[in-house]
Amino acid sequence: MTENNTSLEPFVIAVPDEALTDLTRRLRATRWARDPCNEDQIYGISTSYLKDLVGYWIDGFDWRAAERKLNDFTHYRVNLDGVPVHFIREPGRGPAPIPIILSHGWPWTFWFWSKVIRPLADPASYGGDPADAFDVIVPSLAGFGFSTPTAGDMNHWKMAELWNTLMTDVLGYPKYAAGGSDYGSLVTAQLGHKYASNLYGIHLGADLPPNMFNGDTYWSLGEVPDGVTGDTRQEVISLFETYASHVAVHMLDAQTVTHGLNDSPAGMLAWILQRWRKWSDKNGVFEDVFDRDFILTNATIYWITESIGSSIRSYRNANRWPWQPSHNRTPAIEAPAGFTFLAGDHYPPGATVDTRVAFFENGHTRDWFNPVYLKAHARGGHFVPWENPEAVIDDVRNSFRKLR
């Protein structure tokens, strides 16, 4: 085990010109696939849709402007057990800020949290109560973006170990809060399971149990249950159509697909863009929330850090090194938990803004958690802090107001 280097190193994002020149060269050399009969994009992202965005990546997108925006926050990197961990740290402004670490998902980057960082840190400047202030820590998941390279064995419960070390040993917080969504929900749930005594509580954008990738059929989302008919059956099928391909490929062929995605920026963009499009608000218009500069900022982060492969491996690694409980108490995730549910997600099938909380209360994940705050919102899909930051800001404040 590598000794921790617990000294905080300021980190400035500064991509070499040579890397950007190589990216442009590769984009210009894209060999575009023939794409007959795909006007409705039933076969996936169409060549015409992708080609337009790649054209903008070449001639319209300004990475240096995006870089300046990223660097408007204060970044650090620290080495923990041989793993470089990058994070934003935004100090709280209020009488008694508490620390919170916010974990993103796949194929997110830390930048998906950017809309909520300053309102959580400085509520008074955004119409809130300064008593609700947080010291906000937003890392890149290990193996993602600027938290690279890793040894290749990283998964959610191993990330939770790093996060607890970061918050307690490196940053020196005797107690902290944690939040997450998508894969970051698994990281946060593990913190709430193993390190509940170190936490004020947790906030989640998805009710994912930490053992979800254990088991023999870890690559499958299952079958449509017997007896499910009508609209509910179609909702279940839609859920499978939305999520099944990436789970199966990431679990069974992580490195196989990496060879192509790590070599072709257009191919990499197509793979992650399809997740953003399909997982976003099913009742909304994707382009209204995911503008081209945001899409390409995140895609460029994946490309220049060569992290697409290690980020994908986090799925299979969750099964190869399966989660094991640290105790047998109930609920398994003891830390008090607040939840923000967005009804535009495909999960759970059939849920609406009026029924989403009840779906959780009566569902198979309920007994894992110790919920103290539950709220559903109509706007937004799977990318909770980006699609509905106002909901996250309010719900995080409300969740921890009673836990401080």
Protein backbone atom coordinates (compact mmCIF):
# COMPACT_ATOMS: atom_id res chain seq x y z
CA MET A 1 0.00 0.00 0.00
CA THR A 2 1.38 3.39 -0.97
CA GLU A 3 1.84 5.87 1.84
CA ASN A 4 -0.66 8.70 1.73
CA ASN A 5 0.57 12.12 0.71
CA THR A 6 -1.84 14.15 2.75
CA SER A 7 -0.50 17.57 1.78
CA LEU A 8 -3.03 19.44 -0.33
CA GLU A 9 -1.68 20.40 -3.71
CA PRO A 10 -3.48 23.24 -5.54
CA PHE A 11 -4.48 22.00 -8.96
CA VAL A 12 -5.09 24.09 -12.05
CA ILE A 13 -6.68 22.55 -15.13
CA ALA A 14 -4.34 23.35 -18.01
CA VAL A 15 -4.56 21.03 -20.99
CA PRO A 16 -1.44 21.17 -23.20
CA ASP A 17 -1.91 22.67 -26.65
CA GLU A 18 -0.54 19.46 -28.15
CA ALA A 19 -3.41 17.45 -26.64
CA LEU A 20 -6.00 19.81 -28.09
CA THR A 21 -4.28 19.76 -31.49
CA ASP A 22 -4.34 15.95 -31.46
CA LEU A 23 -8.02 15.96 -30.50
CA THR A 24 -8.89 18.22 -33.43
CA ARG A 25 -6.84 16.08 -35.80
CA ARG A 26 -8.65 12.95 -34.72
CA LEU A 27 -12.05 14.60 -35.00
CA ARG A 28 -11.31 15.81 -38.54
CA ALA A 29 -10.19 12.30 -39.51
CA THR A 30 -13.40 10.62 -38.31
CA ARG A 31 -14.59 7.96 -40.74
CA TRP A 32 -18.34 8.49 -40.64
CA ALA A 33 -20.56 5.43 -40.59
CA ARG A 34 -23.31 4.89 -43.14
CA ASP A 35 -26.61 5.21 -41.33
CA PRO A 36 -29.65 4.19 -43.44
CA CYS A 37 -33.17 4.08 -41.99
CA ASN A 38 -32.17 5.78 -38.73
CA GLU A 39 -34.02 9.07 -38.94
CA ASP A 40 -35.85 8.20 -35.71
CA GLN A 41 -32.52 7.12 -34.11
CA ILE A 42 -33.96 3.73 -33.20
CA TYR A 43 -30.50 2.23 -33.82
CA GLY A 44 -28.83 4.81 -31.59
CA ILE A 45 -27.41 8.28 -32.19
CA SER A 46 -27.58 9.05 -35.89
CA THR A 47 -24.56 9.99 -37.94
CA SER A 48 -26.16 13.30 -38.86
CA TYR A 49 -26.83 14.25 -35.21
CA LEU A 50 -23.32 13.27 -34.12
CA LYS A 51 -21.63 14.84 -37.12
CA ASP A 52 -23.19 18.22 -36.37
CA LEU A 53 -21.95 18.13 -32.76
CA VAL A 54 -18.46 16.99 -33.78
CA GLY A 55 -18.36 19.86 -36.28
CA TYR A 56 -19.01 22.24 -33.41
CA TRP A 57 -16.35 20.49 -31.30
CA ILE A 58 -13.85 21.24 -34.09
CA ASP A 59 -14.80 24.77 -35.11
CA GLY A 60 -17.09 26.27 -32.46
CA PHE A 61 -16.31 24.93 -29.00
CA ASP A 62 -13.76 26.96 -27.03
CA TRP A 63 -12.01 24.66 -24.55
CA ARG A 64 -9.92 27.50 -23.15
CA ALA A 65 -13.11 29.39 -22.23
CA ALA A 66 -14.48 26.23 -20.62
CA GLU A 67 -11.18 25.76 -18.80
CA ARG A 68 -11.37 29.27 -17.36
CA LYS A 69 -14.87 28.53 -16.09
CA LEU A 70 -13.70 25.29 -14.49
CA ASN A 71 -10.79 27.07 -12.85
CA ASP A 72 -13.08 29.70 -11.39
CA PHE A 73 -13.42 27.17 -8.57
CA THR A 74 -10.50 26.17 -6.34
CA HIS A 75 -9.17 22.70 -7.17
CA TYR A 76 -6.83 20.35 -5.33
CA ARG A 77 -5.26 16.95 -5.85
CA VAL A 78 -4.05 14.60 -3.15
CA ASN A 79 -2.58 11.10 -3.28
CA LEU A 80 -4.46 8.53 -1.20
CA ASP A 81 -3.10 4.98 -1.16
CA GLY A 82 -1.58 5.53 -4.58
CA VAL A 83 -4.78 6.98 -6.04
CA PRO A 84 -4.74 10.62 -7.21
CA VAL A 85 -7.91 12.28 -5.99
CA HIS A 86 -8.98 15.58 -7.56
CA PHE A 87 -11.62 17.76 -5.91
CA ILE A 88 -13.14 21.20 -5.75
CA ARG A 89 -13.32 22.80 -2.31
CA GLU A 90 -15.67 25.72 -1.76
CA PRO A 91 -15.56 27.05 1.83
CA GLY A 92 -18.88 27.75 3.50
CA ARG A 93 -19.97 31.26 4.33
CA GLY A 94 -22.16 31.30 7.39
CA PRO A 95 -22.00 31.05 11.18
CA ALA A 96 -21.32 27.29 11.33
CA PRO A 97 -20.83 25.57 7.96
CA ILE A 98 -20.72 21.79 7.97
CA PRO A 99 -18.69 19.87 5.37
CA ILE A 100 -20.38 17.86 2.62
CA ILE A 101 -18.77 15.66 -0.03
CA LEU A 102 -20.78 15.27 -3.25
CA SER A 103 -20.20 12.27 -5.53
CA HIS A 104 -21.13 12.24 -9.21
CA GLY A 105 -22.07 9.31 -11.44
CA TRP A 106 -21.26 7.78 -14.83
CA PRO A 107 -20.85 9.22 -17.43
CA TRP A 108 -20.80 12.37 -15.37
CA THR A 109 -17.88 14.46 -14.26
CA PHE A 110 -17.55 16.62 -11.16
CA TRP A 111 -18.92 19.47 -13.32
CA PHE A 112 -22.46 18.09 -13.10
CA TRP A 113 -22.50 19.50 -9.54
CA SER A 114 -21.39 22.97 -10.62
CA LYS A 115 -24.82 24.62 -10.36
CA VAL A 116 -25.26 23.73 -6.67
CA ILE A 117 -21.78 24.29 -5.24
CA ARG A 118 -21.93 28.01 -4.48
CA PRO A 119 -25.59 28.15 -3.39
CA LEU A 120 -24.84 25.41 -0.85
CA ALA A 121 -21.63 27.10 0.31
CA ASP A 122 -22.98 30.65 0.44
CA PRO A 123 -26.76 30.48 0.84
CA ALA A 124 -27.14 34.14 1.79
CA SER A 125 -25.89 35.22 -1.64
CA TYR A 126 -28.56 33.06 -3.29
CA GLY A 127 -31.59 34.01 -1.21
CA GLY A 128 -31.06 31.44 1.54
CA ASP A 129 -30.31 31.34 5.24
CA PRO A 130 -26.57 31.55 6.09
CA ALA A 131 -27.22 29.03 8.86
CA ASP A 132 -27.58 26.41 6.09
CA ALA A 133 -24.02 26.88 4.79
CA PHE A 134 -21.78 23.95 3.85
CA ASP A 135 -18.10 23.53 3.13
CA VAL A 136 -18.59 21.86 -0.26
CA ILE A 137 -16.18 19.17 -1.47
CA VAL A 138 -16.76 17.81 -5.00
CA PRO A 139 -14.29 15.12 -6.09
CA SER A 140 -13.85 13.41 -9.40
CA LEU A 141 -14.64 9.76 -8.73
CA ALA A 142 -11.49 7.66 -8.62
CA GLY A 143 -10.73 6.57 -12.18
CA PHE A 144 -12.74 9.46 -13.63
CA GLY A 145 -11.43 12.70 -15.10
CA PHE A 146 -8.59 14.21 -13.12
CA SER A 147 -8.63 11.44 -10.47
CA THR A 148 -6.51 9.27 -12.73
CA PRO A 149 -4.68 7.03 -13.37
CA THR A 150 -5.78 4.23 -11.03
CA ALA A 151 -4.67 0.61 -10.75
CA GLY A 152 -7.87 -0.57 -12.44
CA ASP A 153 -9.60 -2.17 -9.45
CA MET A 154 -11.61 0.82 -8.26
CA ASN A 155 -15.29 0.51 -7.34
CA HIS A 156 -17.87 2.27 -5.19
CA TRP A 157 -16.97 0.81 -1.81
CA LYS A 158 -13.27 1.40 -2.40
CA MET A 159 -14.04 5.00 -3.33
CA ALA A 160 -15.94 5.37 -0.06
CA GLU A 161 -12.76 4.38 1.80
CA LEU A 162 -10.86 7.13 -0.03
CA TRP A 163 -13.58 9.69 0.65
CA ASN A 164 -13.64 8.95 4.38
CA THR A 165 -9.85 9.30 4.51
CA LEU A 166 -10.04 12.55 2.53
CA MET A 167 -12.66 14.08 4.79
CA THR A 168 -11.29 12.94 8.18
CA ASP A 169 -7.52 12.52 7.82
CA VAL A 170 -6.67 14.96 5.03
CA LEU A 171 -9.21 17.75 5.51
CA GLY A 172 -9.50 17.17 9.25
CA TYR A 173 -13.26 17.18 9.65
CA PRO A 174 -14.36 15.28 12.78
CA LYS A 175 -17.80 14.85 11.20
CA TYR A 176 -19.16 15.43 7.72
CA ALA A 177 -22.14 14.99 5.41
CA ALA A 178 -22.22 13.16 2.08
CA GLY A 179 -24.38 13.31 -1.03
CA GLY A 180 -24.49 11.54 -4.35
CA SER A 181 -26.49 10.39 -7.32
CA ASP A 182 -26.19 7.56 -9.88
CA TYR A 183 -22.90 5.70 -9.18
CA GLY A 184 -22.22 8.37 -6.58
CA SER A 185 -25.29 7.13 -4.70
CA LEU A 186 -23.51 3.81 -4.23
CA VAL A 187 -20.42 5.56 -2.89
CA THR A 188 -22.55 7.65 -0.55
CA ALA A 189 -24.66 4.69 0.58
CA GLN A 190 -21.48 2.82 1.51
CA LEU A 191 -20.34 5.81 3.57
CA GLY A 192 -23.72 5.76 5.29
CA HIS A 193 -23.32 2.04 5.94
CA LYS A 194 -19.72 1.72 7.14
CA TYR A 195 -19.02 5.22 8.44
CA ALA A 196 -22.38 6.35 9.84
CA SER A 197 -20.72 7.43 13.09
CA ASN A 198 -18.60 9.92 11.09
CA LEU A 199 -21.59 11.43 9.33
CA TYR A 200 -24.26 13.99 10.04
CA GLY A 201 -26.25 12.18 7.37
CA ILE A 202 -26.44 11.53 3.65
CA HIS A 203 -28.44 12.89 0.73
CA LEU A 204 -29.22 10.75 -2.31
CA GLY A 205 -30.65 11.27 -5.76
CA ALA A 206 -31.28 7.54 -6.21
CA ASP A 207 -32.19 4.71 -3.83
CA LEU A 208 -29.49 2.26 -4.91
CA PRO A 209 -28.38 -0.40 -2.41
CA PRO A 210 -24.60 -0.99 -2.29
CA ASN A 211 -24.96 -4.69 -3.21
CA MET A 212 -26.82 -4.00 -6.46
CA PHE A 213 -24.05 -5.45 -8.65
CA ASN A 214 -23.51 -8.56 -6.53
CA GLY A 215 -24.92 -11.87 -7.76
CA ASP A 216 -24.71 -14.20 -10.73
CA THR A 217 -26.63 -12.12 -13.28
CA TYR A 218 -24.87 -8.85 -12.52
CA TRP A 219 -24.96 -7.80 -16.20
CA SER A 220 -28.75 -8.04 -16.50
CA LEU A 221 -31.64 -5.84 -15.47
CA GLY A 222 -33.87 -8.93 -15.33
CA GLU A 223 -37.15 -9.77 -17.04
CA VAL A 224 -40.54 -8.11 -17.19
CA PRO A 225 -42.34 -9.54 -14.14
CA ASP A 226 -45.20 -11.95 -14.73
CA GLY A 227 -48.60 -10.33 -14.66
CA VAL A 228 -47.38 -6.83 -15.55
CA THR A 229 -49.49 -5.51 -18.41
CA GLY A 230 -50.57 -2.34 -20.18
CA ASP A 231 -48.79 0.95 -19.53
CA THR A 232 -46.77 -0.46 -16.63
CA ARG A 233 -45.38 -3.21 -18.84
CA GLN A 234 -44.34 -0.63 -21.42
CA GLU A 235 -42.68 1.46 -18.67
CA VAL A 236 -40.63 -1.58 -17.59
CA ILE A 237 -39.62 -2.27 -21.20
CA SER A 238 -38.66 1.39 -21.60
CA LEU A 239 -36.49 1.15 -18.48
CA PHE A 240 -34.65 -1.84 -19.96
CA GLU A 241 -34.24 -0.10 -23.32
CA THR A 242 -32.81 2.92 -21.52
CA TYR A 243 -30.26 1.24 -19.24
CA ALA A 244 -29.60 -2.35 -20.34
CA SER A 245 -27.02 -1.81 -23.09
CA HIS A 246 -24.45 0.09 -21.05
CA VAL A 247 -24.77 -2.21 -18.01
CA ALA A 248 -24.20 -5.34 -20.11
CA VAL A 249 -21.33 -3.89 -22.16
CA HIS A 250 -19.58 -2.32 -19.17
CA MET A 251 -19.89 -5.50 -17.17
CA LEU A 252 -18.88 -7.98 -19.87
CA ASP A 253 -16.69 -6.04 -22.33
CA ALA A 254 -15.22 -3.02 -20.53
CA GLN A 255 -11.79 -3.20 -22.11
CA THR A 256 -13.11 -4.37 -25.48
CA VAL A 257 -15.18 -1.24 -25.95
CA THR A 258 -12.43 0.91 -24.40
CA HIS A 259 -10.10 0.20 -27.34
CA GLY A 260 -12.48 2.02 -29.65
CA LEU A 261 -13.60 4.76 -27.27
CA ASN A 262 -10.06 5.64 -26.20
CA ASP A 263 -8.93 5.92 -29.84
CA SER A 264 -11.83 7.85 -31.38
CA PRO A 265 -13.14 11.01 -29.73
CA ALA A 266 -16.22 10.90 -31.98
CA GLY A 267 -16.89 7.32 -30.91
CA MET A 268 -16.38 8.17 -27.24
CA LEU A 269 -18.73 11.13 -27.57
CA ALA A 270 -21.41 8.95 -29.17
CA TRP A 271 -21.28 6.42 -26.32
CA ILE A 272 -21.57 8.91 -23.46
CA LEU A 273 -23.88 11.30 -25.30
CA GLN A 274 -26.41 8.53 -25.82
CA ARG A 275 -26.53 8.00 -22.02
CA TRP A 276 -27.06 11.69 -21.41
CA ARG A 277 -29.84 11.84 -24.00
CA LYS A 278 -31.66 8.67 -22.99
CA TRP A 279 -31.35 9.15 -19.23
CA SER A 280 -32.36 12.81 -19.10
CA ASP A 281 -35.89 14.01 -18.34
CA LYS A 282 -38.26 11.76 -20.29
CA ASN A 283 -40.80 14.59 -20.26
CA GLY A 284 -38.38 17.33 -21.31
CA VAL A 285 -36.28 18.48 -24.25
CA PHE A 286 -32.69 17.33 -23.91
CA GLU A 287 -31.12 20.32 -25.67
CA ASP A 288 -32.92 22.75 -23.35
CA VAL A 289 -30.82 21.54 -20.40
CA PHE A 290 -27.73 20.01 -22.02
CA ASP A 291 -26.30 22.73 -24.22
CA ARG A 292 -23.45 21.93 -26.58
CA ASP A 293 -20.77 23.66 -24.53
CA PHE A 294 -21.70 21.67 -21.42
CA ILE A 295 -21.73 18.40 -23.38
CA LEU A 296 -18.34 19.07 -24.92
CA THR A 297 -16.77 20.34 -21.69
CA ASN A 298 -17.51 16.99 -20.07
CA ALA A 299 -16.56 14.99 -23.16
CA THR A 300 -13.24 16.83 -23.38
CA ILE A 301 -12.51 16.04 -19.72
CA TYR A 302 -13.01 12.34 -20.43
CA TRP A 303 -10.90 12.55 -23.58
CA ILE A 304 -7.87 14.47 -22.37
CA THR A 305 -7.61 12.42 -19.15
CA GLU A 306 -8.01 9.11 -21.04
CA SER A 307 -10.42 8.07 -18.29
CA ILE A 308 -13.23 6.51 -20.30
CA GLY A 309 -11.83 3.01 -19.77
CA SER A 310 -11.18 3.25 -16.04
CA SER A 311 -14.56 4.89 -15.48
CA ILE A 312 -16.29 2.03 -17.29
CA ARG A 313 -14.42 -0.58 -15.24
CA SER A 314 -16.07 0.71 -12.06
CA TYR A 315 -19.10 -1.41 -13.04
CA ARG A 316 -17.42 -4.81 -13.38
CA ASN A 317 -15.22 -4.02 -10.39
CA ALA A 318 -18.34 -3.75 -8.26
CA ASN A 319 -18.92 -7.44 -9.00
CA ARG A 320 -15.33 -8.65 -9.23
CA TRP A 321 -14.68 -7.19 -5.78
CA PRO A 322 -18.23 -7.46 -4.42
CA TRP A 323 -19.64 -5.38 -1.63
CA GLN A 324 -19.65 -7.03 1.78
CA PRO A 325 -21.49 -5.68 4.83
CA SER A 326 -19.46 -4.19 7.64
CA HIS A 327 -22.17 -4.95 10.22
CA ASN A 328 -25.50 -6.76 10.50
CA ARG A 329 -27.54 -3.99 12.06
CA THR A 330 -30.70 -2.65 10.46
CA PRO A 331 -31.12 -0.56 8.53
CA ALA A 332 -27.83 -1.44 6.86
CA ILE A 333 -27.35 2.21 5.87
CA GLU A 334 -27.75 3.73 9.32
CA ALA A 335 -26.92 7.34 8.53
CA PRO A 336 -30.03 9.55 8.35
CA ALA A 337 -30.90 9.98 4.68
CA GLY A 338 -32.61 12.66 2.64
CA PHE A 339 -33.79 11.93 -0.89
CA THR A 340 -34.47 14.02 -3.98
CA PHE A 341 -36.50 12.11 -6.56
CA LEU A 342 -37.05 13.53 -10.06
CA ALA A 343 -40.13 12.15 -11.79
CA GLY A 344 -38.66 12.49 -15.28
CA ASP A 345 -36.38 9.51 -14.63
CA HIS A 346 -37.29 6.13 -16.09
CA TYR A 347 -36.81 4.51 -12.69
CA PRO A 348 -38.95 3.22 -11.10
CA PRO A 349 -41.28 2.27 -13.97
CA GLY A 350 -44.66 3.92 -13.71
CA ALA A 351 -43.80 6.42 -11.00
CA THR A 352 -45.07 10.01 -11.17
CA VAL A 353 -44.32 13.04 -9.08
CA ASP A 354 -47.38 12.18 -6.98
CA THR A 355 -46.45 8.52 -6.46
CA ARG A 356 -42.63 8.50 -6.44
CA VAL A 357 -42.25 8.75 -2.66
CA ALA A 358 -44.85 6.01 -2.15
CA PHE A 359 -42.99 3.80 -4.65
CA PHE A 360 -39.92 4.14 -2.44
CA GLU A 361 -41.78 3.65 0.83
CA ASN A 362 -43.35 0.44 -0.47
CA GLY A 363 -40.40 -0.73 -2.56
CA HIS A 364 -37.62 -3.27 -2.22
CA THR A 365 -34.94 -0.71 -1.28
CA ARG A 366 -36.81 0.94 1.59
CA ASP A 367 -35.46 -1.29 4.36
CA TRP A 368 -31.87 -0.45 3.45
CA PHE A 369 -32.24 3.18 4.51
CA ASN A 370 -33.01 5.46 7.45
CA PRO A 371 -34.97 8.19 5.64
CA VAL A 372 -35.61 11.51 7.35
CA TYR A 373 -36.58 13.57 4.30
CA LEU A 374 -38.27 12.52 1.05
CA LYS A 375 -39.41 14.75 -1.77
CA ALA A 376 -40.31 14.22 -5.42
CA HIS A 377 -40.12 16.89 -8.11
CA ALA A 378 -41.71 16.97 -11.54
CA ARG A 379 -38.78 18.44 -13.47
CA GLY A 380 -35.64 16.49 -14.30
CA GLY A 381 -34.48 12.97 -15.00
CA HIS A 382 -31.45 10.90 -14.00
CA PHE A 383 -28.90 13.74 -13.76
CA VAL A 384 -30.33 15.21 -10.61
CA PRO A 385 -28.07 18.18 -9.69
CA TRP A 386 -27.70 19.33 -13.28
CA GLU A 387 -31.31 18.94 -14.41
CA ASN A 388 -32.96 20.37 -11.29
CA PRO A 389 -30.36 22.14 -9.15
CA GLU A 390 -33.00 24.14 -7.29
CA ALA A 391 -34.56 20.92 -5.99
CA VAL A 392 -31.18 19.62 -4.82
CA ILE A 393 -30.26 22.88 -3.10
CA ASP A 394 -33.56 23.06 -1.22
CA ASP A 395 -33.63 19.37 -0.35
CA VAL A 396 -30.03 19.25 0.88
CA ARG A 397 -30.67 22.26 3.07
CA ASN A 398 -33.90 20.77 4.41
CA SER A 399 -32.36 17.34 4.96
CA PHE A 400 -29.48 18.60 7.07
CA ARG A 401 -31.21 21.45 8.86
CA LYS A 402 -32.48 18.93 11.41
CA LEU A 403 -29.21 16.96 11.49
CA ARG A 404 -26.63 19.69 12.15
